[in-house]
Amino acid sequence: MPIKTFFWRDYQGREVDLILSKAEKLIPIEITNSESISRKKIDNLGYFLAENKEASFGLVVYGGELKIIKSQPKPIFCLPWWLWW
């Protein structure tokens, strides 16, 4: 089964840059070149995670350090983009 990709935006302006979907599982991903993560990106991911039982965690790809944010309903893993190079 191929992985489907899309973005998400609701009527209140919340959005997530990339959603990966496969076999009824969702992975929401925020992407930024910044070394810090804006509160808005975390809030948007948190809202998406709370509303979608098919998503068990979220990802942020950014220019900072590896870390986990546990203050949301489900964990958000913050991955430095340079780990993939």
C-alpha atoms as a PDB file:
ATOM      1  CA  MET A   1       0.000   0.000   0.000  1.00  0.00           C
ATOM      2  CA  PRO A   2       1.517   3.357  -1.012  1.00  0.00           C
ATOM      3  CA  ILE A   3       1.884   6.255   1.378  1.00  0.00           C
ATOM      4  CA  LYS A   4      -0.501   9.123   0.665  1.00  0.00           C
ATOM      5  CA  THR A   5       0.606  12.693   1.331  1.00  0.00           C
ATOM      6  CA  PHE A   6      -1.460  15.813   1.877  1.00  0.00           C
ATOM      7  CA  PHE A   7      -1.630  18.960   4.008  1.00  0.00           C
ATOM      8  CA  TRP A   8      -4.342  19.933   6.470  1.00  0.00           C
ATOM      9  CA  ARG A   9      -6.037  23.250   7.223  1.00  0.00           C
ATOM     10  CA  ASP A  10      -9.250  23.951   9.121  1.00  0.00           C
ATOM     11  CA  TYR A  11     -11.668  26.895   9.027  1.00  0.00           C
ATOM     12  CA  GLN A  12      -9.969  28.544  12.027  1.00  0.00           C
ATOM     13  CA  GLY A  13      -6.664  28.763  10.108  1.00  0.00           C
ATOM     14  CA  ARG A  14      -4.866  25.934  11.899  1.00  0.00           C
ATOM     15  CA  GLU A  15      -2.677  23.983   9.507  1.00  0.00           C
ATOM     16  CA  VAL A  16      -0.118  21.189   9.329  1.00  0.00           C
ATOM     17  CA  ASP A  17       2.449  21.222   6.514  1.00  0.00           C
ATOM     18  CA  LEU A  18       2.465  17.515   5.669  1.00  0.00           C
ATOM     19  CA  ILE A  19       0.345  14.505   6.618  1.00  0.00           C
ATOM     20  CA  LEU A  20       1.540  10.995   5.793  1.00  0.00           C
ATOM     21  CA  SER A  21      -1.225   8.410   5.590  1.00  0.00           C
ATOM     22  CA  LYS A  22      -0.875   4.650   5.300  1.00  0.00           C
ATOM     23  CA  ALA A  23      -3.159   1.817   6.441  1.00  0.00           C
ATOM     24  CA  GLU A  24      -5.356   4.118   8.554  1.00  0.00           C
ATOM     25  CA  LYS A  25      -2.337   5.609  10.367  1.00  0.00           C
ATOM     26  CA  LEU A  26      -1.510   9.314  10.173  1.00  0.00           C
ATOM     27  CA  ILE A  27       1.739  11.147  10.839  1.00  0.00           C
ATOM     28  CA  PRO A  28       1.413  14.957  10.960  1.00  0.00           C
ATOM     29  CA  ILE A  29       4.644  16.839  10.185  1.00  0.00           C
ATOM     30  CA  GLU A  30       5.538  20.507  10.549  1.00  0.00           C
ATOM     31  CA  ILE A  31       8.584  21.705   8.621  1.00  0.00           C
ATOM     32  CA  THR A  32      10.600  24.857   9.259  1.00  0.00           C
ATOM     33  CA  ASN A  33      14.127  26.029   8.515  1.00  0.00           C
ATOM     34  CA  SER A  34      14.267  27.883  11.835  1.00  0.00           C
ATOM     35  CA  GLU A  35      16.367  26.725  14.803  1.00  0.00           C
ATOM     36  CA  SER A  36      13.356  27.298  17.056  1.00  0.00           C
ATOM     37  CA  ILE A  37       9.787  26.057  16.869  1.00  0.00           C
ATOM     38  CA  SER A  38       6.961  28.558  17.072  1.00  0.00           C
ATOM     39  CA  ARG A  39       4.206  28.044  19.635  1.00  0.00           C
ATOM     40  CA  LYS A  40       1.695  28.151  16.768  1.00  0.00           C
ATOM     41  CA  LYS A  41       3.271  25.097  15.069  1.00  0.00           C
ATOM     42  CA  ILE A  42       3.154  23.115  18.327  1.00  0.00           C
ATOM     43  CA  ASP A  43      -0.435  24.210  19.012  1.00  0.00           C
ATOM     44  CA  ASN A  44      -1.524  23.234  15.489  1.00  0.00           C
ATOM     45  CA  LEU A  45       0.098  19.802  15.809  1.00  0.00           C
ATOM     46  CA  GLY A  46      -1.424  19.348  19.265  1.00  0.00           C
ATOM     47  CA  TYR A  47      -4.887  20.184  17.959  1.00  0.00           C
ATOM     48  CA  PHE A  48      -4.511  17.763  15.024  1.00  0.00           C
ATOM     49  CA  LEU A  49      -3.272  15.001  17.346  1.00  0.00           C
ATOM     50  CA  ALA A  50      -6.154  15.530  19.775  1.00  0.00           C
ATOM     51  CA  GLU A  51      -8.739  15.363  16.981  1.00  0.00           C
ATOM     52  CA  ASN A  52      -7.307  12.344  15.106  1.00  0.00           C
ATOM     53  CA  LYS A  53      -7.065   9.005  16.902  1.00  0.00           C
ATOM     54  CA  GLU A  54      -5.256   7.611  13.833  1.00  0.00           C
ATOM     55  CA  ALA A  55      -2.241   9.798  14.705  1.00  0.00           C
ATOM     56  CA  SER A  56      -0.206   8.569  17.679  1.00  0.00           C
ATOM     57  CA  PHE A  57       2.585  11.179  17.484  1.00  0.00           C
ATOM     58  CA  GLY A  58       3.652  14.267  15.553  1.00  0.00           C
ATOM     59  CA  LEU A  59       6.928  15.390  14.003  1.00  0.00           C
ATOM     60  CA  VAL A  60       8.640  18.734  13.601  1.00  0.00           C
ATOM     61  CA  VAL A  61      11.542  18.888  11.166  1.00  0.00           C
ATOM     62  CA  TYR A  62      13.630  21.984  11.913  1.00  0.00           C
ATOM     63  CA  GLY A  63      17.142  23.399  12.298  1.00  0.00           C
ATOM     64  CA  GLY A  64      17.453  22.864  16.059  1.00  0.00           C
ATOM     65  CA  GLU A  65      18.380  19.979  18.348  1.00  0.00           C
ATOM     66  CA  LEU A  66      16.739  16.593  18.815  1.00  0.00           C
ATOM     67  CA  LYS A  67      14.030  16.744  21.505  1.00  0.00           C
ATOM     68  CA  ILE A  68      10.586  15.489  22.496  1.00  0.00           C
ATOM     69  CA  ILE A  69       7.677  17.698  23.525  1.00  0.00           C
ATOM     70  CA  LYS A  70       5.416  15.793  25.913  1.00  0.00           C
ATOM     71  CA  SER A  71       3.067  18.596  26.971  1.00  0.00           C
ATOM     72  CA  GLN A  72       0.616  17.827  24.167  1.00  0.00           C
ATOM     73  CA  PRO A  73      -2.004  15.037  24.160  1.00  0.00           C
ATOM     74  CA  LYS A  74       0.483  12.853  22.261  1.00  0.00           C
ATOM     75  CA  PRO A  75       4.276  13.223  21.914  1.00  0.00           C
ATOM     76  CA  ILE A  76       5.818  15.520  19.326  1.00  0.00           C
ATOM     77  CA  PHE A  77       9.284  14.494  18.178  1.00  0.00           C
ATOM     78  CA  CYS A  78      11.463  17.387  17.024  1.00  0.00           C
ATOM     79  CA  LEU A  79      14.019  16.198  14.500  1.00  0.00           C
ATOM     80  CA  PRO A  80      16.887  18.300  13.136  1.00  0.00           C
ATOM     81  CA  TRP A  81      16.754  18.287   9.340  1.00  0.00           C
ATOM     82  CA  TRP A  82      20.546  17.811   9.200  1.00  0.00           C
ATOM     83  CA  LEU A  83      20.221  14.296  10.679  1.00  0.00           C
ATOM     84  CA  TRP A  84      19.068  13.144   7.256  1.00  0.00           C
ATOM     85  CA  TRP A  85      22.111  14.377   5.354  1.00  0.00           C
END
